[in-house]
Amino acid sequence: MIRSSTATWHGPGQTGEGRLTAESNKLLASPFNFRGRFSTETDNINPEELIAAAHAIDFVMKLSFVLGEAGFVASSLTTTAHINFVNGSITDSHLVLFAVIPGIDRCSFDACVKEAELTCPVSRALKVKITTEAKLEE
């Protein structure tokens, strides 16, 4: 399986503008630019939030499979991924998980979370420091 997205850029680095379209068309000609990458005051998307989205999606999906293999089904898994971009490099990804999983003990939960953190495809692709803060709710 191959997935794709297309980015088009016009103009110089600091003042140019681009558009991104993803294969699913959920991102259809979405704008991006220099200001949008380095400012929180913009409606434009940026690469780091897209990587964060990919990591959050992939982690919760992988965790659901890991839990299933361990005999558990989550009622809810909510993850926020925080991508740290410093001096032109992505340095780490911090995952914050809130989970509701009936019948699971803390030891089994922690083991499943660690396995998903280490083995989800986006974690493996990033090759940066990955940390997870996992909260199990009753």
Protein backbone atom coordinates (compact mmCIF):
# COMPACT_ATOMS: atom_id res chain seq x y z
CA MET A 1 0.00 0.00 0.00
CA ILE A 2 1.26 3.46 -0.90
CA ARG A 3 -0.36 6.67 0.32
CA SER A 4 0.37 10.11 -1.04
CA SER A 5 -0.03 13.83 -0.54
CA THR A 6 0.91 16.63 -2.91
CA ALA A 7 2.41 19.97 -1.92
CA THR A 8 2.76 22.89 -4.33
CA TRP A 9 4.80 26.01 -3.51
CA HIS A 10 4.92 29.43 -5.23
CA GLY A 11 7.39 32.22 -4.44
CA PRO A 12 10.34 32.76 -2.11
CA GLY A 13 10.75 30.96 1.21
CA GLN A 14 9.62 33.63 3.65
CA THR A 15 6.81 35.20 1.61
CA GLY A 16 5.70 32.40 -0.70
CA GLU A 17 2.66 30.24 -0.20
CA GLY A 18 1.81 26.64 -0.71
CA ARG A 19 -1.15 24.28 -0.91
CA LEU A 20 -1.39 20.69 0.31
CA THR A 21 -3.80 18.06 -0.92
CA ALA A 22 -3.93 14.60 0.63
CA GLU A 23 -5.00 11.50 -1.24
CA SER A 24 -8.16 11.21 0.88
CA ASN A 25 -9.13 14.79 -0.10
CA LYS A 26 -9.70 15.56 3.61
CA LEU A 27 -6.92 18.10 3.12
CA LEU A 28 -7.88 19.74 -0.12
CA ALA A 29 -5.67 22.64 -1.23
CA SER A 30 -4.94 23.44 2.44
CA PRO A 31 -2.73 26.53 2.72
CA PHE A 32 0.74 26.59 4.28
CA ASN A 33 3.52 29.17 4.48
CA PHE A 34 6.56 30.26 6.48
CA ARG A 35 4.53 32.38 8.91
CA GLY A 36 2.18 29.46 9.54
CA ARG A 37 5.05 27.20 10.44
CA PHE A 38 6.63 29.51 12.99
CA SER A 39 3.63 31.35 14.45
CA THR A 40 0.62 30.22 16.44
CA GLU A 41 -1.42 33.08 14.96
CA THR A 42 -2.38 31.50 11.64
CA ASP A 43 -4.99 29.33 10.03
CA ASN A 44 -2.38 27.57 7.88
CA ILE A 45 -1.28 24.00 8.46
CA ASN A 46 2.34 23.11 9.14
CA PRO A 47 4.43 19.95 8.86
CA GLU A 48 4.82 19.50 12.62
CA GLU A 49 1.07 19.40 13.30
CA LEU A 50 0.66 16.92 10.46
CA ILE A 51 3.37 14.71 11.96
CA ALA A 52 1.70 15.07 15.37
CA ALA A 53 -1.64 14.06 13.84
CA ALA A 54 -0.08 11.04 12.15
CA HIS A 55 1.63 9.97 15.37
CA ALA A 56 -1.51 10.35 17.50
CA ILE A 57 -3.62 8.40 15.00
CA ASP A 58 -1.07 5.64 14.55
CA PHE A 59 -0.39 5.26 18.27
CA VAL A 60 -4.05 4.85 19.30
CA MET A 61 -4.70 2.42 16.46
CA LYS A 62 -1.62 0.33 17.35
CA LEU A 63 -2.52 0.44 21.04
CA SER A 64 -6.01 -0.85 20.29
CA PHE A 65 -4.47 -3.87 18.51
CA VAL A 66 -1.91 -4.47 21.29
CA LEU A 67 -4.70 -4.33 23.88
CA GLY A 68 -6.78 -6.77 21.83
CA GLU A 69 -3.89 -9.24 21.69
CA ALA A 70 -3.67 -8.97 25.50
CA GLY A 71 -7.42 -9.65 25.84
CA PHE A 72 -8.66 -6.11 26.45
CA VAL A 73 -10.94 -3.74 24.56
CA ALA A 74 -10.68 -0.02 25.23
CA SER A 75 -13.82 1.99 25.75
CA SER A 76 -11.83 5.10 24.88
CA LEU A 77 -8.28 6.00 23.86
CA THR A 78 -7.50 9.69 23.40
CA THR A 79 -3.97 10.74 22.50
CA THR A 80 -2.44 14.13 21.86
CA ALA A 81 0.98 14.14 20.24
CA HIS A 82 3.29 17.08 20.89
CA ILE A 83 6.04 17.45 18.29
CA ASN A 84 9.01 19.54 19.39
CA PHE A 85 10.63 21.57 16.59
CA VAL A 86 13.92 23.19 17.68
CA ASN A 87 16.51 24.95 15.52
CA GLY A 88 15.18 23.47 12.30
CA SER A 89 14.88 19.89 13.56
CA ILE A 90 12.16 17.72 15.03
CA THR A 91 13.75 16.60 18.29
CA ASP A 92 11.06 14.54 19.99
CA SER A 93 7.44 13.50 20.18
CA HIS A 94 5.55 13.39 23.48
CA LEU A 95 2.32 11.39 23.53
CA VAL A 96 -0.31 12.13 26.16
CA LEU A 97 -2.82 9.29 26.48
CA PHE A 98 -6.11 9.19 28.37
CA ALA A 99 -7.50 5.65 28.39
CA VAL A 100 -10.61 3.90 29.64
CA ILE A 101 -10.08 0.14 29.47
CA PRO A 102 -12.40 -2.08 31.51
CA GLY A 103 -10.70 -4.81 33.52
CA ILE A 104 -7.06 -3.91 32.84
CA ASP A 105 -4.51 -3.68 35.64
CA ARG A 106 -1.81 -1.00 35.72
CA CYS A 107 1.04 -3.38 34.90
CA SER A 108 -0.70 -4.76 31.80
CA PHE A 109 -1.70 -1.24 30.75
CA ASP A 110 1.85 0.07 31.04
CA ALA A 111 3.23 -2.89 29.06
CA CYS A 112 0.68 -2.42 26.26
CA VAL A 113 1.35 1.33 26.08
CA LYS A 114 5.13 0.78 25.88
CA GLU A 115 4.75 -1.84 23.14
CA ALA A 116 2.52 0.49 21.09
CA GLU A 117 4.93 3.41 21.63
CA LEU A 118 7.87 1.36 20.36
CA THR A 119 6.17 -0.49 17.50
CA CYS A 120 3.68 1.85 15.87
CA PRO A 121 4.94 2.60 12.34
CA VAL A 122 5.10 6.37 12.86
CA SER A 123 7.23 5.98 16.01
CA ARG A 124 9.63 3.80 14.06
CA ALA A 125 9.72 6.25 11.14
CA LEU A 126 10.39 9.33 13.26
CA LYS A 127 13.65 8.08 14.78
CA VAL A 128 13.50 10.74 17.49
CA LYS A 129 13.04 10.54 21.25
CA ILE A 130 9.47 9.41 21.99
CA THR A 131 7.92 9.66 25.44
CA THR A 132 4.45 8.73 26.61
CA GLU A 133 2.43 10.05 29.51
CA ALA A 134 -0.37 7.51 30.01
CA LYS A 135 -3.35 8.07 32.28
CA LEU A 136 -5.71 5.19 32.96
CA GLU A 137 -9.15 6.33 34.02
CA GLU A 138 -11.57 4.17 35.99
